[in-house]
Amino acid sequence: MADCSDAHSHDAQRKSPSANRRNFLQALAGAGAAISFSSKIANAQGEIGYWAKDLTVARRTYNARSETVAEKPSFRDAWLHGHRCIIPCESIFEPNWKTGKAVRWRIRRKDSVPMGVAGLWGTWRTPDGRDLMSFTMLTINADGHEVMKHFHKPEDEKRMVVILDESDYDSWLDAPREAMPDFLTRYRADALVAEPAPRPARSR
């Protein structure tokens, strides 16, 4: 499962989509550690279907497999209705098992520009009547990818989030639903950097 640092999502399909998109692109253009939005942002990472009884489902829906996204109850409505978003990430984190133990590694763009990850968003009505927005990151197979092949256990399938090229941001948000799979491709390995980033030891 990909862990994304500084992850936010904005509502790309509601009122004033061009304004939201412009705010997103301005935020993405800055390489600062904090990414801010003047548009609406999601309240929770992990897609929460309208049918969910509570928030615990979000623990299992951080990522959505592109191969089954149109079928799984957690994601199919967002996919079928074209509820697309772009999630800016300074980095993503994956476990490297080269030593026989999981060591956290950081993956980022070589040029240090935040990544724009293709995602889906949804809205869930809380028991007290509030609308909670949530999002999930789309993933694809990464077997043989020169960067991502080093992560997860040797016997596990390699996966990666869908990192969009800047030139595809508007197209991903606006393309007809039948064209959405065209964007679910691997990001170039030579444009990524991977480095160890172990978690700090807990103080006793």
N, C-alpha and C. Protein backbone atom coordinates (compact mmCIF):
# COMPACT_ATOMS: atom_id res chain seq x y z
N MET A 1 0.84 -1.19 0.00
CA MET A 1 0.00 0.00 0.00
C MET A 1 0.88 1.24 0.00
N ALA A 2 0.64 2.15 -0.90
CA ALA A 2 1.42 3.38 -0.97
C ALA A 2 0.99 4.32 0.14
N ASP A 3 1.96 4.95 0.79
CA ASP A 3 1.72 5.94 1.82
C ASP A 3 2.20 7.26 1.27
N CYS A 4 1.31 8.22 1.16
CA CYS A 4 1.63 9.49 0.51
C CYS A 4 1.78 10.58 1.55
N SER A 5 2.89 11.30 1.53
CA SER A 5 3.06 12.41 2.46
C SER A 5 2.47 13.67 1.87
N ASP A 6 1.92 14.54 2.74
CA ASP A 6 1.32 15.81 2.32
C ASP A 6 0.28 15.59 1.24
N ALA A 7 -0.63 14.64 1.47
CA ALA A 7 -1.65 14.32 0.46
C ALA A 7 -2.92 15.10 0.73
N HIS A 8 -3.42 15.75 -0.31
CA HIS A 8 -4.68 16.48 -0.27
C HIS A 8 -5.42 16.19 -1.56
N SER A 9 -6.72 16.40 -1.54
CA SER A 9 -7.51 16.22 -2.75
C SER A 9 -8.50 17.34 -2.85
N HIS A 10 -8.84 17.74 -4.06
CA HIS A 10 -9.84 18.78 -4.22
C HIS A 10 -10.98 18.28 -5.08
N ASP A 11 -12.14 18.91 -4.91
CA ASP A 11 -13.33 18.53 -5.65
C ASP A 11 -13.20 19.08 -7.05
N ALA A 12 -12.97 18.19 -8.02
CA ALA A 12 -12.67 18.64 -9.38
C ALA A 12 -13.90 18.73 -10.26
N GLN A 13 -15.04 18.31 -9.78
CA GLN A 13 -16.19 18.22 -10.68
C GLN A 13 -17.39 19.05 -10.22
N ARG A 14 -17.28 19.78 -9.10
CA ARG A 14 -18.42 20.55 -8.65
C ARG A 14 -18.36 21.97 -9.19
N LYS A 15 -18.87 22.94 -8.41
CA LYS A 15 -18.94 24.30 -8.90
C LYS A 15 -17.55 24.87 -9.16
N SER A 16 -17.47 25.72 -10.19
CA SER A 16 -16.22 26.39 -10.58
C SER A 16 -15.05 25.43 -10.72
N PRO A 17 -15.16 24.38 -11.55
CA PRO A 17 -14.06 23.43 -11.67
C PRO A 17 -12.80 24.09 -12.19
N SER A 18 -12.92 25.12 -13.06
CA SER A 18 -11.71 25.75 -13.58
C SER A 18 -10.97 26.49 -12.48
N ALA A 19 -11.71 27.11 -11.55
CA ALA A 19 -11.06 27.80 -10.44
C ALA A 19 -10.37 26.81 -9.53
N ASN A 20 -11.03 25.69 -9.23
CA ASN A 20 -10.40 24.67 -8.41
C ASN A 20 -9.14 24.14 -9.06
N ARG A 21 -9.21 23.89 -10.37
CA ARG A 21 -8.07 23.37 -11.09
C ARG A 21 -6.92 24.37 -11.07
N ARG A 22 -7.24 25.65 -11.21
CA ARG A 22 -6.20 26.67 -11.22
C ARG A 22 -5.52 26.72 -9.85
N ASN A 23 -6.31 26.68 -8.77
CA ASN A 23 -5.73 26.68 -7.43
C ASN A 23 -4.83 25.47 -7.22
N PHE A 24 -5.26 24.31 -7.72
CA PHE A 24 -4.46 23.11 -7.58
C PHE A 24 -3.13 23.25 -8.30
N LEU A 25 -3.18 23.74 -9.54
CA LEU A 25 -1.95 23.85 -10.32
C LEU A 25 -0.99 24.85 -9.69
N GLN A 26 -1.53 25.93 -9.12
CA GLN A 26 -0.67 26.89 -8.45
C GLN A 26 0.00 26.24 -7.24
N ALA A 27 -0.76 25.44 -6.50
CA ALA A 27 -0.19 24.76 -5.33
C ALA A 27 0.86 23.76 -5.75
N LEU A 28 0.60 23.04 -6.83
CA LEU A 28 1.53 22.03 -7.28
C LEU A 28 2.82 22.64 -7.80
N ALA A 29 2.73 23.84 -8.35
CA ALA A 29 3.91 24.48 -8.91
C ALA A 29 4.92 24.85 -7.83
N GLY A 30 4.46 25.09 -6.61
CA GLY A 30 5.37 25.42 -5.53
C GLY A 30 5.95 24.16 -4.92
N ALA A 31 7.25 24.17 -4.64
CA ALA A 31 7.91 22.98 -4.12
C ALA A 31 8.05 23.01 -2.61
N GLY A 32 7.28 23.89 -1.94
CA GLY A 32 7.36 23.96 -0.48
C GLY A 32 6.82 22.70 0.17
N ALA A 33 7.19 22.49 1.42
CA ALA A 33 6.76 21.27 2.11
C ALA A 33 5.25 21.27 2.35
N ALA A 34 4.69 22.44 2.57
CA ALA A 34 3.25 22.51 2.82
C ALA A 34 2.53 22.88 1.53
N ILE A 35 1.48 22.13 1.21
CA ILE A 35 0.68 22.40 0.02
C ILE A 35 -0.68 22.87 0.49
N SER A 36 -1.05 24.09 0.12
CA SER A 36 -2.32 24.63 0.58
C SER A 36 -3.28 24.82 -0.58
N PHE A 37 -4.57 24.82 -0.27
CA PHE A 37 -5.61 24.98 -1.28
C PHE A 37 -6.60 26.03 -0.79
N SER A 38 -7.07 26.87 -1.71
CA SER A 38 -8.19 27.73 -1.38
C SER A 38 -9.49 27.06 -1.81
N SER A 39 -9.37 25.97 -2.58
CA SER A 39 -10.54 25.19 -2.95
C SER A 39 -10.83 24.16 -1.86
N LYS A 40 -11.96 23.48 -1.98
CA LYS A 40 -12.37 22.47 -0.99
C LYS A 40 -11.41 21.29 -1.03
N ILE A 41 -11.00 20.81 0.14
CA ILE A 41 -10.12 19.64 0.20
C ILE A 41 -10.84 18.50 0.88
N ALA A 42 -10.32 17.32 0.69
CA ALA A 42 -10.95 16.14 1.29
C ALA A 42 -10.70 16.10 2.78
N ASN A 43 -11.64 15.50 3.50
CA ASN A 43 -11.51 15.36 4.94
C ASN A 43 -10.86 14.06 5.35
N ALA A 44 -10.78 13.08 4.45
CA ALA A 44 -10.26 11.78 4.84
C ALA A 44 -9.60 11.09 3.66
N GLN A 45 -8.43 10.48 3.90
CA GLN A 45 -7.82 9.63 2.89
C GLN A 45 -8.36 8.23 3.08
N GLY A 46 -8.75 7.62 1.98
CA GLY A 46 -9.41 6.33 2.02
C GLY A 46 -10.87 6.52 1.65
N GLU A 47 -11.25 6.01 0.48
CA GLU A 47 -12.61 6.21 -0.03
C GLU A 47 -13.65 5.62 0.93
N ILE A 48 -14.69 6.40 1.22
CA ILE A 48 -15.76 5.96 2.10
C ILE A 48 -17.05 5.93 1.28
N GLY A 49 -17.53 4.75 0.95
CA GLY A 49 -18.74 4.62 0.16
C GLY A 49 -19.97 5.15 0.89
N TYR A 50 -20.97 5.60 0.14
CA TYR A 50 -22.18 6.16 0.75
C TYR A 50 -22.87 5.15 1.66
N TRP A 51 -22.61 3.85 1.41
CA TRP A 51 -23.26 2.79 2.15
C TRP A 51 -22.56 2.46 3.47
N ALA A 52 -21.38 3.04 3.69
CA ALA A 52 -20.59 2.70 4.88
C ALA A 52 -21.31 3.13 6.16
N LYS A 53 -21.17 2.32 7.20
CA LYS A 53 -21.79 2.62 8.48
C LYS A 53 -20.92 3.51 9.36
N ASP A 54 -19.60 3.45 9.14
CA ASP A 54 -18.69 4.29 9.92
C ASP A 54 -17.40 4.49 9.12
N LEU A 55 -16.42 5.15 9.74
CA LEU A 55 -15.19 5.53 9.04
C LEU A 55 -14.17 4.41 8.92
N THR A 56 -14.40 3.28 9.58
CA THR A 56 -13.37 2.24 9.61
C THR A 56 -13.07 1.70 8.22
N VAL A 57 -14.01 1.79 7.28
CA VAL A 57 -13.77 1.27 5.94
C VAL A 57 -12.61 2.00 5.27
N ALA A 58 -12.36 3.25 5.66
CA ALA A 58 -11.30 4.05 5.04
C ALA A 58 -9.92 3.45 5.27
N ARG A 59 -9.77 2.63 6.30
CA ARG A 59 -8.47 2.00 6.58
C ARG A 59 -8.07 1.03 5.47
N ARG A 60 -9.05 0.56 4.69
CA ARG A 60 -8.79 -0.43 3.65
C ARG A 60 -8.91 0.13 2.24
N THR A 61 -9.11 1.43 2.12
CA THR A 61 -9.38 1.99 0.79
C THR A 61 -8.48 3.17 0.44
N TYR A 62 -7.28 3.19 1.02
CA TYR A 62 -6.32 4.25 0.65
C TYR A 62 -6.02 4.18 -0.84
N ASN A 63 -5.90 2.96 -1.36
CA ASN A 63 -5.57 2.74 -2.76
C ASN A 63 -6.66 1.94 -3.44
N ALA A 64 -6.83 2.17 -4.74
CA ALA A 64 -7.80 1.42 -5.54
C ALA A 64 -7.07 0.80 -6.73
N ARG A 65 -7.16 -0.51 -6.86
CA ARG A 65 -6.54 -1.20 -7.99
C ARG A 65 -7.28 -0.84 -9.27
N SER A 66 -6.56 -0.35 -10.25
CA SER A 66 -7.20 0.08 -11.50
C SER A 66 -7.87 -1.08 -12.22
N GLU A 67 -7.36 -2.29 -12.02
CA GLU A 67 -7.90 -3.44 -12.72
C GLU A 67 -9.32 -3.81 -12.24
N THR A 68 -9.65 -3.44 -11.01
CA THR A 68 -10.95 -3.82 -10.44
C THR A 68 -11.75 -2.64 -9.91
N VAL A 69 -11.29 -1.42 -10.18
CA VAL A 69 -11.93 -0.24 -9.60
C VAL A 69 -13.39 -0.10 -10.02
N ALA A 70 -13.72 -0.53 -11.22
CA ALA A 70 -15.09 -0.40 -11.71
C ALA A 70 -16.04 -1.44 -11.12
N GLU A 71 -15.48 -2.42 -10.38
CA GLU A 71 -16.29 -3.51 -9.85
C GLU A 71 -16.43 -3.47 -8.34
N LYS A 72 -15.42 -2.98 -7.64
CA LYS A 72 -15.43 -3.03 -6.18
C LYS A 72 -16.46 -2.04 -5.60
N PRO A 73 -17.27 -2.48 -4.64
CA PRO A 73 -18.29 -1.60 -4.06
C PRO A 73 -17.73 -0.28 -3.52
N SER A 74 -16.51 -0.31 -2.99
CA SER A 74 -15.95 0.91 -2.40
C SER A 74 -15.66 1.99 -3.43
N PHE A 75 -15.45 1.60 -4.69
CA PHE A 75 -14.97 2.55 -5.69
C PHE A 75 -15.85 2.68 -6.94
N ARG A 76 -16.71 1.72 -7.19
CA ARG A 76 -17.36 1.67 -8.50
C ARG A 76 -18.25 2.86 -8.79
N ASP A 77 -18.93 3.41 -7.77
CA ASP A 77 -19.78 4.57 -8.02
C ASP A 77 -18.94 5.78 -8.42
N ALA A 78 -17.83 6.01 -7.71
CA ALA A 78 -16.95 7.14 -8.05
C ALA A 78 -16.40 6.97 -9.46
N TRP A 79 -16.04 5.74 -9.82
CA TRP A 79 -15.51 5.49 -11.16
C TRP A 79 -16.58 5.71 -12.22
N LEU A 80 -17.76 5.14 -12.00
CA LEU A 80 -18.82 5.22 -12.99
C LEU A 80 -19.34 6.64 -13.18
N HIS A 81 -19.29 7.45 -12.12
CA HIS A 81 -19.74 8.84 -12.21
C HIS A 81 -18.60 9.81 -12.57
N GLY A 82 -17.41 9.27 -12.78
CA GLY A 82 -16.29 10.13 -13.19
C GLY A 82 -15.85 11.11 -12.12
N HIS A 83 -15.92 10.72 -10.85
CA HIS A 83 -15.51 11.61 -9.76
C HIS A 83 -13.99 11.54 -9.61
N ARG A 84 -13.32 12.26 -10.47
CA ARG A 84 -11.86 12.23 -10.51
C ARG A 84 -11.24 13.39 -9.75
N CYS A 85 -10.08 13.17 -9.21
CA CYS A 85 -9.32 14.23 -8.56
C CYS A 85 -7.84 13.98 -8.80
N ILE A 86 -7.04 14.96 -8.43
CA ILE A 86 -5.58 14.86 -8.50
C ILE A 86 -5.05 15.11 -7.09
N ILE A 87 -4.24 14.20 -6.60
CA ILE A 87 -3.74 14.27 -5.23
C ILE A 87 -2.26 14.64 -5.26
N PRO A 88 -1.90 15.83 -4.80
CA PRO A 88 -0.48 16.21 -4.79
C PRO A 88 0.26 15.53 -3.65
N CYS A 89 1.39 14.93 -3.96
CA CYS A 89 2.21 14.24 -2.96
C CYS A 89 3.66 14.69 -3.08
N GLU A 90 4.22 15.13 -1.99
CA GLU A 90 5.65 15.43 -1.98
C GLU A 90 6.44 14.15 -2.22
N SER A 91 6.01 13.05 -1.61
CA SER A 91 6.67 11.76 -1.75
C SER A 91 5.67 10.66 -1.46
N ILE A 92 6.05 9.45 -1.86
CA ILE A 92 5.31 8.27 -1.42
C ILE A 92 6.31 7.35 -0.72
N PHE A 93 5.79 6.49 0.14
CA PHE A 93 6.65 5.61 0.92
C PHE A 93 6.26 4.16 0.70
N GLU A 94 7.26 3.32 0.53
CA GLU A 94 7.05 1.89 0.32
C GLU A 94 8.10 1.10 1.10
N PRO A 95 7.78 -0.15 1.48
CA PRO A 95 8.75 -0.96 2.21
C PRO A 95 9.72 -1.68 1.28
N ASN A 96 11.01 -1.59 1.58
CA ASN A 96 12.05 -2.30 0.85
C ASN A 96 12.51 -3.47 1.72
N TRP A 97 12.44 -4.69 1.13
CA TRP A 97 12.75 -5.90 1.90
C TRP A 97 14.12 -6.49 1.55
N LYS A 98 15.01 -5.70 0.97
CA LYS A 98 16.30 -6.22 0.54
C LYS A 98 17.09 -6.84 1.69
N THR A 99 16.97 -6.27 2.89
CA THR A 99 17.71 -6.77 4.06
C THR A 99 16.99 -7.94 4.73
N GLY A 100 15.81 -8.29 4.26
CA GLY A 100 15.02 -9.31 4.92
C GLY A 100 14.00 -8.74 5.88
N LYS A 101 14.12 -7.46 6.17
CA LYS A 101 13.16 -6.75 6.99
C LYS A 101 12.64 -5.54 6.23
N ALA A 102 11.44 -5.11 6.55
CA ALA A 102 10.84 -3.96 5.86
C ALA A 102 11.51 -2.67 6.32
N VAL A 103 12.13 -1.98 5.38
CA VAL A 103 12.74 -0.67 5.64
C VAL A 103 11.99 0.35 4.79
N ARG A 104 11.50 1.38 5.42
CA ARG A 104 10.74 2.39 4.69
C ARG A 104 11.65 3.18 3.75
N TRP A 105 11.24 3.30 2.49
CA TRP A 105 11.93 4.12 1.50
C TRP A 105 10.99 5.20 1.01
N ARG A 106 11.59 6.33 0.62
CA ARG A 106 10.85 7.45 0.06
C ARG A 106 11.05 7.47 -1.46
N ILE A 107 9.95 7.66 -2.21
CA ILE A 107 10.02 7.81 -3.66
C ILE A 107 9.47 9.19 -4.00
N ARG A 108 10.21 9.93 -4.79
CA ARG A 108 9.80 11.28 -5.18
C ARG A 108 10.25 11.57 -6.60
N ARG A 109 9.76 12.68 -7.12
CA ARG A 109 10.21 13.09 -8.44
C ARG A 109 11.64 13.61 -8.36
N LYS A 110 12.42 13.31 -9.38
CA LYS A 110 13.82 13.72 -9.40
C LYS A 110 13.98 15.23 -9.38
N ASP A 111 13.01 15.95 -9.98
CA ASP A 111 13.09 17.40 -10.01
C ASP A 111 12.50 18.06 -8.77
N SER A 112 12.09 17.27 -7.79
CA SER A 112 11.55 17.73 -6.51
C SER A 112 10.19 18.42 -6.62
N VAL A 113 9.57 18.40 -7.78
CA VAL A 113 8.21 18.93 -7.92
C VAL A 113 7.23 17.91 -7.35
N PRO A 114 6.23 18.35 -6.59
CA PRO A 114 5.26 17.39 -6.07
C PRO A 114 4.61 16.57 -7.18
N MET A 115 4.32 15.34 -6.88
CA MET A 115 3.67 14.45 -7.83
C MET A 115 2.16 14.70 -7.83
N GLY A 116 1.54 14.58 -8.99
CA GLY A 116 0.09 14.64 -9.09
C GLY A 116 -0.44 13.23 -9.32
N VAL A 117 -1.04 12.63 -8.30
CA VAL A 117 -1.51 11.25 -8.37
C VAL A 117 -2.99 11.22 -8.76
N ALA A 118 -3.31 10.37 -9.74
CA ALA A 118 -4.70 10.22 -10.17
C ALA A 118 -5.51 9.55 -9.08
N GLY A 119 -6.66 10.12 -8.76
CA GLY A 119 -7.49 9.56 -7.71
C GLY A 119 -8.97 9.70 -8.00
N LEU A 120 -9.76 9.16 -7.10
CA LEU A 120 -11.22 9.26 -7.14
C LEU A 120 -11.69 9.84 -5.81
N TRP A 121 -12.79 10.58 -5.84
CA TRP A 121 -13.33 11.15 -4.61
C TRP A 121 -14.77 10.74 -4.42
N GLY A 122 -15.22 10.81 -3.18
CA GLY A 122 -16.60 10.50 -2.86
C GLY A 122 -17.05 11.31 -1.66
N THR A 123 -18.35 11.32 -1.42
CA THR A 123 -18.93 12.03 -0.28
C THR A 123 -19.75 11.07 0.56
N TRP A 124 -19.56 11.13 1.86
CA TRP A 124 -20.28 10.27 2.79
C TRP A 124 -21.00 11.13 3.82
N ARG A 125 -22.27 10.82 4.07
CA ARG A 125 -23.05 11.57 5.05
C ARG A 125 -22.83 10.98 6.43
N THR A 126 -22.29 11.78 7.34
CA THR A 126 -22.01 11.32 8.70
C THR A 126 -23.33 11.18 9.48
N PRO A 127 -23.30 10.43 10.59
CA PRO A 127 -24.53 10.26 11.38
C PRO A 127 -25.14 11.58 11.86
N ASP A 128 -24.29 12.62 12.03
CA ASP A 128 -24.83 13.91 12.47
C ASP A 128 -25.17 14.84 11.31
N GLY A 129 -25.17 14.28 10.06
CA GLY A 129 -25.66 15.04 8.92
C GLY A 129 -24.63 15.84 8.15
N ARG A 130 -23.35 15.70 8.45
CA ARG A 130 -22.32 16.43 7.72
C ARG A 130 -21.87 15.62 6.50
N ASP A 131 -21.45 16.32 5.44
CA ASP A 131 -20.88 15.67 4.27
C ASP A 131 -19.37 15.57 4.44
N LEU A 132 -18.86 14.35 4.47
CA LEU A 132 -17.43 14.11 4.61
C LEU A 132 -16.87 13.68 3.27
N MET A 133 -15.91 14.42 2.74
CA MET A 133 -15.29 14.07 1.48
C MET A 133 -14.10 13.17 1.73
N SER A 134 -13.90 12.21 0.83
CA SER A 134 -12.77 11.28 0.96
C SER A 134 -12.22 10.99 -0.42
N PHE A 135 -11.03 10.40 -0.45
CA PHE A 135 -10.41 10.11 -1.74
C PHE A 135 -9.59 8.84 -1.65
N THR A 136 -9.30 8.29 -2.82
CA THR A 136 -8.42 7.13 -2.92
C THR A 136 -7.46 7.35 -4.08
N MET A 137 -6.28 6.73 -3.99
CA MET A 137 -5.28 6.84 -5.05
C MET A 137 -5.34 5.60 -5.94
N LEU A 138 -5.35 5.80 -7.24
CA LEU A 138 -5.39 4.68 -8.19
C LEU A 138 -4.01 4.07 -8.34
N THR A 139 -3.96 2.73 -8.42
CA THR A 139 -2.68 2.03 -8.57
C THR A 139 -2.72 1.11 -9.79
N ILE A 140 -1.52 0.79 -10.28
CA ILE A 140 -1.36 -0.11 -11.41
C ILE A 140 -0.22 -1.08 -11.13
N ASN A 141 -0.15 -2.14 -11.93
CA ASN A 141 0.93 -3.11 -11.80
C ASN A 141 2.26 -2.44 -12.12
N ALA A 142 3.31 -2.78 -11.35
CA ALA A 142 4.63 -2.19 -11.56
C ALA A 142 5.72 -3.26 -11.66
N ASP A 143 5.35 -4.50 -11.99
CA ASP A 143 6.36 -5.53 -12.18
C ASP A 143 7.36 -5.09 -13.25
N GLY A 144 8.65 -5.17 -12.93
CA GLY A 144 9.67 -4.80 -13.89
C GLY A 144 10.00 -3.32 -13.95
N HIS A 145 9.25 -2.48 -13.25
CA HIS A 145 9.56 -1.05 -13.22
C HIS A 145 10.89 -0.85 -12.50
N GLU A 146 11.80 -0.11 -13.09
CA GLU A 146 13.17 -0.04 -12.59
C GLU A 146 13.28 0.58 -11.19
N VAL A 147 12.29 1.34 -10.77
CA VAL A 147 12.30 1.87 -9.40
C VAL A 147 11.40 1.03 -8.49
N MET A 148 10.16 0.81 -8.91
CA MET A 148 9.17 0.19 -8.03
C MET A 148 9.36 -1.31 -7.85
N LYS A 149 10.16 -1.93 -8.69
CA LYS A 149 10.38 -3.38 -8.54
C LYS A 149 11.13 -3.74 -7.27
N HIS A 150 11.71 -2.76 -6.59
CA HIS A 150 12.51 -3.01 -5.40
C HIS A 150 11.68 -3.05 -4.11
N PHE A 151 10.38 -2.81 -4.21
CA PHE A 151 9.57 -2.66 -3.00
C PHE A 151 8.59 -3.79 -2.81
N HIS A 152 8.19 -3.96 -1.56
CA HIS A 152 7.33 -5.06 -1.11
C HIS A 152 8.11 -6.38 -1.09
N LYS A 153 7.53 -7.39 -0.54
CA LYS A 153 8.21 -8.68 -0.42
C LYS A 153 8.49 -9.25 -1.81
N PRO A 154 9.59 -10.03 -1.95
CA PRO A 154 9.97 -10.56 -3.27
C PRO A 154 8.86 -11.32 -3.98
N GLU A 155 8.04 -12.03 -3.21
CA GLU A 155 6.98 -12.83 -3.83
C GLU A 155 5.72 -12.03 -4.15
N ASP A 156 5.64 -10.79 -3.68
CA ASP A 156 4.44 -9.98 -3.88
C ASP A 156 4.44 -9.29 -5.25
N GLU A 157 3.24 -9.06 -5.77
CA GLU A 157 3.12 -8.25 -6.98
C GLU A 157 3.61 -6.84 -6.68
N LYS A 158 4.27 -6.23 -7.63
CA LYS A 158 4.73 -4.85 -7.48
C LYS A 158 3.63 -3.91 -7.96
N ARG A 159 3.37 -2.86 -7.18
CA ARG A 159 2.33 -1.90 -7.51
C ARG A 159 2.89 -0.49 -7.40
N MET A 160 2.25 0.45 -8.06
CA MET A 160 2.61 1.86 -7.91
C MET A 160 1.37 2.72 -8.14
N VAL A 161 1.36 3.90 -7.53
CA VAL A 161 0.26 4.83 -7.77
C VAL A 161 0.41 5.41 -9.17
N VAL A 162 -0.70 5.88 -9.71
CA VAL A 162 -0.70 6.48 -11.05
C VAL A 162 -0.27 7.93 -10.92
N ILE A 163 0.96 8.22 -11.34
CA ILE A 163 1.49 9.58 -11.30
C ILE A 163 1.25 10.19 -12.68
N LEU A 164 0.54 11.31 -12.72
CA LEU A 164 0.19 11.94 -13.98
C LEU A 164 1.28 12.89 -14.44
N ASP A 165 1.46 13.01 -15.75
CA ASP A 165 2.28 14.08 -16.32
C ASP A 165 1.50 15.38 -16.22
N GLU A 166 2.22 16.48 -16.02
CA GLU A 166 1.54 17.77 -15.91
C GLU A 166 0.65 18.05 -17.11
N SER A 167 1.08 17.63 -18.27
CA SER A 167 0.32 17.90 -19.49
C SER A 167 -1.02 17.16 -19.51
N ASP A 168 -1.20 16.20 -18.60
CA ASP A 168 -2.43 15.40 -18.57
C ASP A 168 -3.40 15.80 -17.46
N TYR A 169 -3.05 16.81 -16.66
CA TYR A 169 -3.91 17.16 -15.54
C TYR A 169 -5.33 17.53 -15.98
N ASP A 170 -5.44 18.48 -16.87
CA ASP A 170 -6.76 18.90 -17.34
C ASP A 170 -7.48 17.75 -18.04
N SER A 171 -6.75 17.00 -18.83
CA SER A 171 -7.37 15.91 -19.58
C SER A 171 -7.91 14.83 -18.65
N TRP A 172 -7.17 14.52 -17.58
CA TRP A 172 -7.64 13.51 -16.63
C TRP A 172 -8.96 13.95 -15.98
N LEU A 173 -9.06 15.22 -15.65
CA LEU A 173 -10.26 15.71 -15.00
C LEU A 173 -11.45 15.82 -15.96
N ASP A 174 -11.18 16.07 -17.24
CA ASP A 174 -12.25 16.38 -18.19
C ASP A 174 -12.58 15.28 -19.18
N ALA A 175 -11.73 14.28 -19.31
CA ALA A 175 -11.92 13.26 -20.34
C ALA A 175 -13.23 12.49 -20.12
N PRO A 176 -13.86 12.01 -21.20
CA PRO A 176 -15.05 11.16 -21.03
C PRO A 176 -14.69 9.90 -20.25
N ARG A 177 -15.68 9.33 -19.58
CA ARG A 177 -15.41 8.19 -18.70
C ARG A 177 -14.74 7.04 -19.43
N GLU A 178 -15.13 6.79 -20.68
CA GLU A 178 -14.55 5.66 -21.41
C GLU A 178 -13.07 5.87 -21.72
N ALA A 179 -12.58 7.11 -21.59
CA ALA A 179 -11.16 7.38 -21.85
C ALA A 179 -10.32 7.34 -20.58
N MET A 180 -10.94 7.19 -19.41
CA MET A 180 -10.19 7.21 -18.15
C MET A 180 -9.08 6.16 -18.08
N PRO A 181 -9.31 4.92 -18.57
CA PRO A 181 -8.22 3.93 -18.49
C PRO A 181 -6.96 4.32 -19.26
N ASP A 182 -7.08 5.22 -20.22
CA ASP A 182 -5.91 5.62 -21.02
C ASP A 182 -4.86 6.34 -20.16
N PHE A 183 -5.28 6.88 -19.03
CA PHE A 183 -4.35 7.64 -18.18
C PHE A 183 -3.66 6.76 -17.14
N LEU A 184 -4.08 5.52 -17.03
CA LEU A 184 -3.56 4.64 -15.97
C LEU A 184 -2.31 3.93 -16.46
N THR A 185 -1.21 4.67 -16.51
CA THR A 185 0.06 4.17 -17.02
C THR A 185 1.17 4.39 -16.00
N ARG A 186 2.28 3.70 -16.20
CA ARG A 186 3.43 3.85 -15.30
C ARG A 186 4.17 5.16 -15.55
N TYR A 187 4.60 5.78 -14.47
CA TYR A 187 5.43 6.97 -14.59
C TYR A 187 6.86 6.55 -14.90
N ARG A 188 7.57 7.38 -15.65
CA ARG A 188 8.92 7.03 -16.08
C ARG A 188 9.85 6.81 -14.89
N ALA A 189 10.58 5.70 -14.91
CA ALA A 189 11.50 5.39 -13.82
C ALA A 189 12.64 6.40 -13.74
N ASP A 190 13.10 6.90 -14.90
CA ASP A 190 14.23 7.83 -14.88
C ASP A 190 13.86 9.21 -14.35
N ALA A 191 12.59 9.44 -14.08
CA ALA A 191 12.15 10.73 -13.52
C ALA A 191 11.89 10.62 -12.02
N LEU A 192 12.16 9.44 -11.43
CA LEU A 192 11.92 9.21 -10.01
C LEU A 192 13.23 8.94 -9.27
N VAL A 193 13.23 9.24 -7.99
CA VAL A 193 14.36 8.96 -7.10
C VAL A 193 13.82 8.19 -5.90
N ALA A 194 14.54 7.14 -5.50
CA ALA A 194 14.16 6.37 -4.32
C ALA A 194 15.32 6.37 -3.34
N GLU A 195 15.02 6.54 -2.05
CA GLU A 195 16.07 6.62 -1.04
C GLU A 195 15.53 6.12 0.29
N PRO A 196 16.42 5.55 1.13
CA PRO A 196 15.96 5.08 2.44
C PRO A 196 15.42 6.24 3.28
N ALA A 197 14.34 5.99 3.99
CA ALA A 197 13.76 7.00 4.87
C ALA A 197 13.13 6.29 6.07
N PRO A 198 13.96 5.60 6.87
CA PRO A 198 13.41 4.85 8.01
C PRO A 198 12.71 5.77 8.99
N ARG A 199 11.68 5.23 9.63
CA ARG A 199 10.98 6.01 10.63
C ARG A 199 11.88 6.28 11.83
N PRO A 200 11.80 7.46 12.42
CA PRO A 200 12.60 7.74 13.62
C PRO A 200 12.27 6.76 14.73
N ALA A 201 13.26 6.40 15.50
CA ALA A 201 13.04 5.49 16.63
C ALA A 201 12.14 6.14 17.65
N ARG A 202 11.22 5.36 18.19
CA ARG A 202 10.30 5.89 19.19
C ARG A 202 11.03 6.10 20.51
N SER A 203 10.78 7.24 21.12
CA SER A 203 11.38 7.50 22.43
C SER A 203 10.65 6.72 23.51
N ARG A 204 11.38 6.23 24.45
CA ARG A 204 10.78 5.43 25.53
C ARG A 204 10.43 6.28 26.71
